[in-house]
N, C-alpha and C. Protein backbone atom coordinates (compact mmCIF):
# COMPACT_ATOMS: atom_id res chain seq x y z
N MET A 1 73.87 -16.52 77.63
CA MET A 1 75.02 -15.53 77.72
C MET A 1 75.35 -15.14 79.17
N LEU A 2 74.06 -15.73 80.27
CA LEU A 2 74.69 -15.28 81.67
C LEU A 2 75.33 -16.63 82.25
N TRP A 3 75.36 -17.45 81.87
CA TRP A 3 76.09 -18.49 82.12
C TRP A 3 77.74 -18.40 81.67
N ALA A 4 77.94 -17.90 80.39
CA ALA A 4 79.28 -17.41 79.95
C ALA A 4 79.64 -16.46 80.49
N ALA A 5 78.95 -15.36 81.22
CA ALA A 5 79.45 -14.52 82.03
C ALA A 5 80.06 -14.97 83.15
N MET A 6 78.78 -15.97 83.97
CA MET A 6 79.01 -16.41 85.16
C MET A 6 80.91 -17.01 85.61
N ARG A 7 80.83 -17.99 84.23
CA ARG A 7 81.90 -18.60 84.12
C ARG A 7 83.00 -17.64 84.05
N GLU A 8 83.39 -16.44 83.72
CA GLU A 8 84.44 -15.37 84.01
C GLU A 8 84.26 -14.56 84.74
N ALA A 9 83.29 -15.18 85.68
CA ALA A 9 83.07 -14.15 87.04
C ALA A 9 84.65 -13.65 87.76
N MET A 10 83.64 -12.45 88.56
CA MET A 10 85.17 -12.07 89.41
C MET A 10 85.34 -13.19 90.65
N ASP A 11 86.48 -13.58 90.92
CA ASP A 11 87.10 -14.40 92.24
C ASP A 11 86.56 -14.02 93.37
N PRO A 12 85.74 -14.47 93.95
CA PRO A 12 84.86 -13.81 95.65
C PRO A 12 86.41 -13.49 96.31
N ILE A 13 87.63 -13.87 96.33
CA ILE A 13 88.75 -13.66 97.09
C ILE A 13 88.98 -12.14 96.31
N GLU A 14 88.95 -12.19 95.39
CA GLU A 14 89.81 -10.67 94.41
C GLU A 14 88.64 -9.63 95.21
N VAL A 15 87.11 -10.38 94.89
CA VAL A 15 86.07 -8.85 95.53
C VAL A 15 86.37 -8.27 96.59
N GLY A 16 86.63 -9.85 97.51
CA GLY A 16 86.74 -9.53 99.16
C GLY A 16 87.97 -8.52 99.49
N ARG A 17 89.11 -8.66 98.61
CA ARG A 17 90.25 -7.76 99.10
C ARG A 17 89.94 -6.18 98.38
N SER A 18 88.97 -6.30 97.15
CA SER A 18 88.47 -4.79 96.71
C SER A 18 87.93 -4.21 97.82
N VAL A 19 87.25 -5.22 98.67
CA VAL A 19 85.97 -4.46 99.77
C VAL A 19 87.06 -4.55 100.57
N VAL A 20 87.43 -5.06 101.18
CA VAL A 20 88.69 -4.55 102.14
C VAL A 20 89.61 -3.30 101.84
N ASP A 21 90.10 -3.22 100.69
CA ASP A 21 90.87 -1.99 100.42
C ASP A 21 89.87 -0.67 100.49
N ALA A 22 88.79 -0.67 99.85
CA ALA A 22 87.90 0.25 100.29
C ALA A 22 87.48 0.77 101.63
N ILE A 23 87.74 -0.23 102.44
CA ILE A 23 87.30 0.16 103.75
C ILE A 23 88.43 0.63 104.32
N ARG A 24 89.83 0.02 104.06
CA ARG A 24 90.98 0.53 104.82
C ARG A 24 91.11 2.05 104.31
N GLU A 25 90.27 2.48 102.86
CA GLU A 25 90.95 3.55 102.41
C GLU A 25 89.82 4.50 102.24
N ASN A 26 88.45 4.31 103.15
CA ASN A 26 87.37 5.06 103.56
C ASN A 26 86.83 5.51 102.21
N ARG A 27 86.69 4.86 100.80
CA ARG A 27 86.00 4.68 99.99
C ARG A 27 84.54 4.29 99.93
N PHE A 28 83.78 5.11 99.65
CA PHE A 28 82.19 4.48 99.61
C PHE A 28 81.60 3.79 98.58
N HIS A 29 82.28 3.91 97.45
CA HIS A 29 82.10 2.88 96.17
C HIS A 29 82.97 2.20 95.99
N ILE A 30 82.53 1.06 95.73
CA ILE A 30 83.61 -0.35 95.07
C ILE A 30 82.81 -0.58 94.10
N LEU A 31 83.74 -0.30 92.59
CA LEU A 31 83.41 -0.72 91.70
C LEU A 31 84.30 -1.53 90.92
N THR A 32 83.95 -2.80 90.13
CA THR A 32 84.96 -3.90 90.21
C THR A 32 84.98 -3.94 88.96
N HIS A 33 84.02 -3.78 88.09
CA HIS A 33 84.02 -3.98 86.19
C HIS A 33 83.93 -2.50 85.70
N ALA A 34 85.16 -2.31 84.70
CA ALA A 34 85.44 -1.09 84.13
C ALA A 34 84.25 -1.04 83.06
N GLU A 35 83.51 -2.30 82.70
CA GLU A 35 82.56 -2.59 81.66
C GLU A 35 81.34 -1.52 82.11
N PHE A 36 81.14 -1.23 83.17
CA PHE A 36 79.73 -0.32 83.27
C PHE A 36 80.17 1.21 83.56
N LEU A 37 81.55 1.54 83.31
CA LEU A 37 81.84 2.76 83.43
C LEU A 37 80.85 3.86 82.27
N ASP A 38 80.57 3.65 81.15
CA ASP A 38 79.90 4.23 79.87
C ASP A 38 78.64 4.74 80.49
N GLU A 39 78.08 3.09 80.80
CA GLU A 39 76.62 3.31 81.51
C GLU A 39 76.57 4.50 82.51
N VAL A 40 77.10 4.13 83.90
CA VAL A 40 77.22 5.36 84.83
C VAL A 40 77.38 6.39 84.03
N ARG A 41 78.38 7.01 83.46
CA ARG A 41 78.35 7.92 82.87
C ARG A 41 76.98 8.76 81.76
N GLU A 42 76.65 7.89 81.30
CA GLU A 42 75.43 8.44 80.86
C GLU A 42 74.33 8.40 81.66
N ARG A 43 73.88 7.66 82.71
CA ARG A 43 73.05 7.72 83.83
C ARG A 43 73.25 9.25 84.62
N HIS A 44 74.62 9.45 84.63
CA HIS A 44 74.75 10.82 85.61
C HIS A 44 74.35 11.95 84.29
N ARG A 45 74.58 11.68 82.93
CA ARG A 45 74.54 12.85 82.26
C ARG A 45 72.83 12.91 82.17
N VAL A 46 72.02 12.35 82.27
CA VAL A 46 70.54 12.11 82.41
C VAL A 46 70.34 12.80 83.67
N ILE A 47 70.66 12.36 85.04
CA ILE A 47 70.14 13.06 86.18
C ILE A 47 70.72 14.44 86.24
N GLU A 48 71.63 14.80 85.58
CA GLU A 48 72.43 16.18 85.37
C GLU A 48 71.92 17.20 84.50
N ALA A 49 70.98 16.44 83.45
CA ALA A 49 69.81 17.23 82.74
C ALA A 49 68.96 17.37 83.24
N GLY A 50 68.52 16.39 84.34
CA GLY A 50 67.44 16.89 84.71
C GLY A 50 67.13 17.99 85.97
N PHE A 51 68.40 18.39 86.28
CA PHE A 51 68.13 19.66 87.15
C PHE A 51 67.55 21.11 86.56
N PRO A 52 66.90 21.76 87.09
CA PRO A 52 66.36 22.81 86.56
C PRO A 52 67.51 23.97 85.71
N ALA A 53 67.18 25.02 85.22
CA ALA A 53 68.07 25.57 84.70
C ALA A 53 68.14 26.81 85.64
N ASP A 54 67.22 27.31 85.92
CA ASP A 54 67.34 28.15 86.71
C ASP A 54 68.05 28.13 88.31
N GLU A 55 69.28 28.61 88.23
CA GLU A 55 70.03 28.62 89.64
C GLU A 55 69.59 29.08 90.55
N SER A 56 68.75 30.20 90.39
CA SER A 56 68.58 31.19 91.96
C SER A 56 68.19 30.56 92.51
N VAL A 57 68.69 30.65 94.29
CA VAL A 57 68.19 29.71 95.14
C VAL A 57 68.47 30.91 96.49
N PRO A 58 67.03 31.08 97.04
CA PRO A 58 66.94 31.52 98.15
C PRO A 58 67.99 31.78 99.40
N ASP A 59 68.23 32.99 100.04
CA ASP A 59 69.63 32.91 100.32
C ASP A 59 69.55 31.68 101.69
N ALA A 60 68.34 31.78 102.38
CA ALA A 60 68.08 30.82 103.96
C ALA A 60 68.42 28.94 103.25
N ARG A 61 67.86 28.90 102.00
CA ARG A 61 68.01 27.75 101.35
C ARG A 61 69.39 27.45 101.28
N ALA A 62 69.94 28.41 100.44
CA ALA A 62 71.63 28.18 100.34
C ALA A 62 72.20 28.18 101.57
N ARG A 63 72.59 28.67 102.54
CA ARG A 63 73.01 28.78 103.55
C ARG A 63 72.55 27.20 104.23
N PHE A 64 71.40 26.81 104.23
CA PHE A 64 71.15 25.34 104.57
C PHE A 64 71.79 24.38 103.54
N GLU A 65 71.61 24.48 102.51
CA GLU A 65 72.36 23.41 101.56
C GLU A 65 74.10 23.58 101.76
N ARG A 66 74.65 24.77 102.26
CA ARG A 66 76.37 24.46 102.19
C ARG A 66 76.16 23.95 103.30
N THR A 67 75.95 24.07 104.69
CA THR A 67 76.02 23.53 105.94
C THR A 67 75.48 21.97 105.73
N ARG A 68 74.42 21.53 104.86
CA ARG A 68 74.18 19.88 104.77
C ARG A 68 75.33 19.53 104.30
N ARG A 69 75.64 20.14 103.01
CA ARG A 69 77.12 19.44 101.92
C ARG A 69 78.33 19.28 102.60
N GLU A 70 78.39 20.39 103.72
CA GLU A 70 79.54 20.08 104.51
C GLU A 70 79.59 19.16 105.88
N MET A 71 78.47 18.81 106.13
CA MET A 71 78.12 17.62 106.78
C MET A 71 78.52 16.25 106.29
N VAL A 72 77.85 16.23 104.93
CA VAL A 72 78.12 15.11 104.24
C VAL A 72 79.58 15.00 103.56
N ASP A 73 80.28 15.79 103.29
CA ASP A 73 81.69 15.91 103.02
C ASP A 73 82.59 15.49 104.14
N ARG A 74 82.40 15.76 105.17
CA ARG A 74 82.76 15.33 106.35
C ARG A 74 82.99 13.80 106.68
N LEU A 75 81.35 13.27 106.97
CA LEU A 75 81.35 11.83 106.58
C LEU A 75 82.02 10.91 105.70
N PHE A 76 82.30 11.74 104.54
CA PHE A 76 83.32 10.89 103.78
C PHE A 76 84.44 10.94 103.99
N GLU A 77 84.89 11.93 104.80
CA GLU A 77 86.47 12.43 105.08
C GLU A 77 86.52 11.56 106.43
N MET A 78 85.85 10.96 107.32
CA MET A 78 86.06 10.49 108.62
C MET A 78 87.14 9.19 108.24
N PRO A 79 88.30 9.23 109.07
CA PRO A 79 89.24 8.29 108.92
C PRO A 79 88.58 6.98 109.33
N ALA A 80 89.13 5.66 108.69
CA ALA A 80 89.03 4.26 108.86
C ALA A 80 89.41 3.79 110.16
N LYS A 81 88.47 3.37 110.74
CA LYS A 81 89.22 2.77 112.29
C LYS A 81 89.51 1.37 112.09
N ASP A 82 90.81 1.43 112.67
CA ASP A 82 91.85 0.14 113.06
C ASP A 82 91.58 -0.99 113.47
């Protein structure tokens, strides 16, 4: 099965184009094969189910987490260098 799948693998030039496009568009994730989408969705459901049901957060920790989130969001918004 592996060799059969490898014979139908994505062309390296096409992969390279996807990487270049992602860099130019400042996209962090480069996902090339749609057949993994269901697996990713399931993994996310499992991860999300692992969070505690109690959503109460102390004020100081909530402020810190908002600041941390804002910093991470800004990192993902950085314009790509030409």
